[in-house]
Amino acid sequence: MYRIPPGTVHAPEFREGLDWIGTPPVRLSDLRGRIVVLDFWTYG
């Protein structure tokens, strides 16, 4: 099993009020111990 080394910097929580597509809002802390892929995009 892969373990994150002590002292590693973690991602900050998502801010409140974001729009979620296809899922209810989640917190990164709820996903601890799972493999997660984040896909960020915007109109530009």
PDB file of N, CA and C in Angstrom:
ATOM      1  N   MET A   1       0.836  -1.173   0.000  1.00  0.00           N
ATOM      2  CA  MET A   1       0.000   0.000   0.000  1.00  0.00           C
ATOM      3  C   MET A   1       0.889   1.248   0.000  1.00  0.00           C
ATOM      4  N   TYR A   2       0.535   2.221  -0.804  1.00  0.00           N
ATOM      5  CA  TYR A   2       1.288   3.474  -0.883  1.00  0.00           C
ATOM      6  C   TYR A   2       0.882   4.386   0.266  1.00  0.00           C
ATOM      7  N   ARG A   3       1.856   4.971   0.916  1.00  0.00           N
ATOM      8  CA  ARG A   3       1.580   5.908   2.011  1.00  0.00           C
ATOM      9  C   ARG A   3       2.243   7.245   1.705  1.00  0.00           C
ATOM     10  N   ILE A   4       1.549   8.317   2.027  1.00  0.00           N
ATOM     11  CA  ILE A   4       2.095   9.657   1.839  1.00  0.00           C
ATOM     12  C   ILE A   4       3.097   9.921   2.951  1.00  0.00           C
ATOM     13  N   PRO A   5       4.305  10.385   2.598  1.00  0.00           N
ATOM     14  CA  PRO A   5       5.328  10.640   3.614  1.00  0.00           C
ATOM     15  C   PRO A   5       4.880  11.716   4.610  1.00  0.00           C
ATOM     16  N   PRO A   6       5.300  11.604   5.859  1.00  0.00           N
ATOM     17  CA  PRO A   6       4.977  12.633   6.855  1.00  0.00           C
ATOM     18  C   PRO A   6       5.492  13.999   6.412  1.00  0.00           C
ATOM     19  N   GLY A   7       4.749  15.030   6.723  1.00  0.00           N
ATOM     20  CA  GLY A   7       5.156  16.389   6.377  1.00  0.00           C
ATOM     21  C   GLY A   7       4.772  16.812   4.978  1.00  0.00           C
ATOM     22  N   THR A   8       4.091  15.938   4.232  1.00  0.00           N
ATOM     23  CA  THR A   8       3.670  16.271   2.873  1.00  0.00           C
ATOM     24  C   THR A   8       2.556  17.318   2.925  1.00  0.00           C
ATOM     25  N   VAL A   9       2.580  18.258   1.995  1.00  0.00           N
ATOM     26  CA  VAL A   9       1.554  19.302   1.933  1.00  0.00           C
ATOM     27  C   VAL A   9       0.307  18.713   1.282  1.00  0.00           C
ATOM     28  N   HIS A  10      -0.854  18.965   1.880  1.00  0.00           N
ATOM     29  CA  HIS A  10      -2.116  18.457   1.365  1.00  0.00           C
ATOM     30  C   HIS A  10      -2.893  19.571   0.673  1.00  0.00           C
ATOM     31  N   ALA A  11      -3.787  19.186  -0.220  1.00  0.00           N
ATOM     32  CA  ALA A  11      -4.625  20.155  -0.930  1.00  0.00           C
ATOM     33  C   ALA A  11      -5.585  20.825   0.049  1.00  0.00           C
ATOM     34  N   PRO A  12      -5.876  22.112  -0.162  1.00  0.00           N
ATOM     35  CA  PRO A  12      -6.859  22.790   0.701  1.00  0.00           C
ATOM     36  C   PRO A  12      -8.274  22.318   0.373  1.00  0.00           C
ATOM     37  N   GLU A  13      -9.186  22.488   1.309  1.00  0.00           N
ATOM     38  CA  GLU A  13     -10.586  22.141   1.069  1.00  0.00           C
ATOM     39  C   GLU A  13     -11.169  23.058  -0.011  1.00  0.00           C
ATOM     40  N   PHE A  14     -12.205  22.560  -0.693  1.00  0.00           N
ATOM     41  CA  PHE A  14     -12.929  23.393  -1.654  1.00  0.00           C
ATOM     42  C   PHE A  14     -13.691  24.462  -0.889  1.00  0.00           C
ATOM     43  N   ARG A  15     -13.824  25.641  -1.467  1.00  0.00           N
ATOM     44  CA  ARG A  15     -14.566  26.707  -0.792  1.00  0.00           C
ATOM     45  C   ARG A  15     -16.069  26.450  -0.924  1.00  0.00           C
ATOM     46  N   GLU A  16     -16.815  27.020  -0.025  1.00  0.00           N
ATOM     47  CA  GLU A  16     -18.273  26.874  -0.016  1.00  0.00           C
ATOM     48  C   GLU A  16     -18.876  27.589  -1.219  1.00  0.00           C
ATOM     49  N   GLY A  17     -20.018  27.089  -1.704  1.00  0.00           N
ATOM     50  CA  GLY A  17     -20.751  27.763  -2.767  1.00  0.00           C
ATOM     51  C   GLY A  17     -20.326  27.409  -4.183  1.00  0.00           C
ATOM     52  N   LEU A  18     -19.446  26.414  -4.359  1.00  0.00           N
ATOM     53  CA  LEU A  18     -19.047  26.016  -5.707  1.00  0.00           C
ATOM     54  C   LEU A  18     -20.174  25.255  -6.383  1.00  0.00           C
ATOM     55  N   ASP A  19     -20.234  25.316  -7.726  1.00  0.00           N
ATOM     56  CA  ASP A  19     -21.207  24.545  -8.490  1.00  0.00           C
ATOM     57  C   ASP A  19     -20.649  23.153  -8.744  1.00  0.00           C
ATOM     58  N   TRP A  20     -21.442  22.126  -8.466  1.00  0.00           N
ATOM     59  CA  TRP A  20     -21.047  20.736  -8.671  1.00  0.00           C
ATOM     60  C   TRP A  20     -21.911  20.155  -9.778  1.00  0.00           C
ATOM     61  N   ILE A  21     -21.319  19.357 -10.657  1.00  0.00           N
ATOM     62  CA  ILE A  21     -22.035  18.731 -11.766  1.00  0.00           C
ATOM     63  C   ILE A  21     -22.036  17.231 -11.554  1.00  0.00           C
ATOM     64  N   GLY A  22     -23.231  16.633 -11.458  1.00  0.00           N
ATOM     65  CA  GLY A  22     -23.351  15.186 -11.383  1.00  0.00           C
ATOM     66  C   GLY A  22     -23.085  14.566 -10.034  1.00  0.00           C
ATOM     67  N   THR A  23     -22.896  15.360  -9.010  1.00  0.00           N
ATOM     68  CA  THR A  23     -22.647  14.832  -7.668  1.00  0.00           C
ATOM     69  C   THR A  23     -23.005  15.897  -6.641  1.00  0.00           C
ATOM     70  N   PRO A  24     -23.434  15.489  -5.473  1.00  0.00           N
ATOM     71  CA  PRO A  24     -23.610  16.494  -4.418  1.00  0.00           C
ATOM     72  C   PRO A  24     -22.232  17.003  -3.968  1.00  0.00           C
ATOM     73  N   PRO A  25     -22.173  18.172  -3.347  1.00  0.00           N
ATOM     74  CA  PRO A  25     -20.878  18.691  -2.890  1.00  0.00           C
ATOM     75  C   PRO A  25     -20.163  17.701  -1.971  1.00  0.00           C
ATOM     76  N   VAL A  26     -18.845  17.624  -2.132  1.00  0.00           N
ATOM     77  CA  VAL A  26     -18.025  16.761  -1.280  1.00  0.00           C
ATOM     78  C   VAL A  26     -16.904  17.583  -0.665  1.00  0.00           C
ATOM     79  N   ARG A  27     -16.323  17.048   0.379  1.00  0.00           N
ATOM     80  CA  ARG A  27     -15.153  17.659   1.007  1.00  0.00           C
ATOM     81  C   ARG A  27     -13.977  16.728   0.765  1.00  0.00           C
ATOM     82  N   LEU A  28     -12.810  17.289   0.572  1.00  0.00           N
ATOM     83  CA  LEU A  28     -11.629  16.457   0.361  1.00  0.00           C
ATOM     84  C   LEU A  28     -11.359  15.561   1.558  1.00  0.00           C
ATOM     85  N   SER A  29     -11.673  16.044   2.750  1.00  0.00           N
ATOM     86  CA  SER A  29     -11.449  15.220   3.945  1.00  0.00           C
ATOM     87  C   SER A  29     -12.323  13.963   3.939  1.00  0.00           C
ATOM     88  N   ASP A  30     -13.483  14.006   3.260  1.00  0.00           N
ATOM     89  CA  ASP A  30     -14.338  12.819   3.150  1.00  0.00           C
ATOM     90  C   ASP A  30     -13.729  11.759   2.240  1.00  0.00           C
ATOM     91  N   LEU A  31     -12.774  12.150   1.413  1.00  0.00           N
ATOM     92  CA  LEU A  31     -12.166  11.239   0.444  1.00  0.00           C
ATOM     93  C   LEU A  31     -10.821  10.686   0.915  1.00  0.00           C
ATOM     94  N   ARG A  32     -10.426  10.997   2.121  1.00  0.00           N
ATOM     95  CA  ARG A  32      -9.138  10.540   2.650  1.00  0.00           C
ATOM     96  C   ARG A  32      -9.030   9.019   2.566  1.00  0.00           C
ATOM     97  N   GLY A  33      -7.897   8.546   2.071  1.00  0.00           N
ATOM     98  CA  GLY A  33      -7.656   7.113   1.947  1.00  0.00           C
ATOM     99  C   GLY A  33      -8.110   6.530   0.620  1.00  0.00           C
ATOM    100  N   ARG A  34      -8.671   7.356  -0.252  1.00  0.00           N
ATOM    101  CA  ARG A  34      -9.139   6.895  -1.564  1.00  0.00           C
ATOM    102  C   ARG A  34      -8.295   7.528  -2.665  1.00  0.00           C
ATOM    103  N   ILE A  35      -8.266   6.888  -3.805  1.00  0.00           N
ATOM    104  CA  ILE A  35      -7.613   7.469  -4.977  1.00  0.00           C
ATOM    105  C   ILE A  35      -8.619   8.404  -5.630  1.00  0.00           C
ATOM    106  N   VAL A  36      -8.199   9.646  -5.880  1.00  0.00           N
ATOM    107  CA  VAL A  36      -9.106  10.674  -6.392  1.00  0.00           C
ATOM    108  C   VAL A  36      -8.475  11.340  -7.607  1.00  0.00           C
ATOM    109  N   VAL A  37      -9.270  11.535  -8.655  1.00  0.00           N
ATOM    110  CA  VAL A  37      -8.842  12.288  -9.834  1.00  0.00           C
ATOM    111  C   VAL A  37      -9.702  13.540  -9.884  1.00  0.00           C
ATOM    112  N   LEU A  38      -9.068  14.714  -9.902  1.00  0.00           N
ATOM    113  CA  LEU A  38      -9.782  15.981  -9.991  1.00  0.00           C
ATOM    114  C   LEU A  38      -9.625  16.540 -11.396  1.00  0.00           C
ATOM    115  N   ASP A  39     -10.718  16.913 -12.016  1.00  0.00           N
ATOM    116  CA  ASP A  39     -10.711  17.476 -13.368  1.00  0.00           C
ATOM    117  C   ASP A  39     -11.216  18.905 -13.292  1.00  0.00           C
ATOM    118  N   PHE A  40     -10.315  19.873 -13.438  1.00  0.00           N
ATOM    119  CA  PHE A  40     -10.677  21.281 -13.380  1.00  0.00           C
ATOM    120  C   PHE A  40     -10.776  21.831 -14.789  1.00  0.00           C
ATOM    121  N   TRP A  41     -11.836  22.603 -15.059  1.00  0.00           N
ATOM    122  CA  TRP A  41     -11.978  23.235 -16.359  1.00  0.00           C
ATOM    123  C   TRP A  41     -12.784  24.507 -16.206  1.00  0.00           C
ATOM    124  N   THR A  42     -12.689  25.358 -17.220  1.00  0.00           N
ATOM    125  CA  THR A  42     -13.422  26.618 -17.231  1.00  0.00           C
ATOM    126  C   THR A  42     -13.656  27.026 -18.676  1.00  0.00           C
ATOM    127  N   TYR A  43     -14.599  27.902 -18.855  1.00  0.00           N
ATOM    128  CA  TYR A  43     -14.819  28.470 -20.193  1.00  0.00           C
ATOM    129  C   TYR A  43     -13.792  29.560 -20.389  1.00  0.00           C
ATOM    130  N   GLY A  44     -13.241  29.637 -21.584  1.00  0.00           N
ATOM    131  CA  GLY A  44     -12.242  30.678 -21.774  1.00  0.00           C
ATOM    132  C   GLY A  44     -12.201  31.233 -23.161  1.00  0.00           C
TER     133      GLY A  44
END
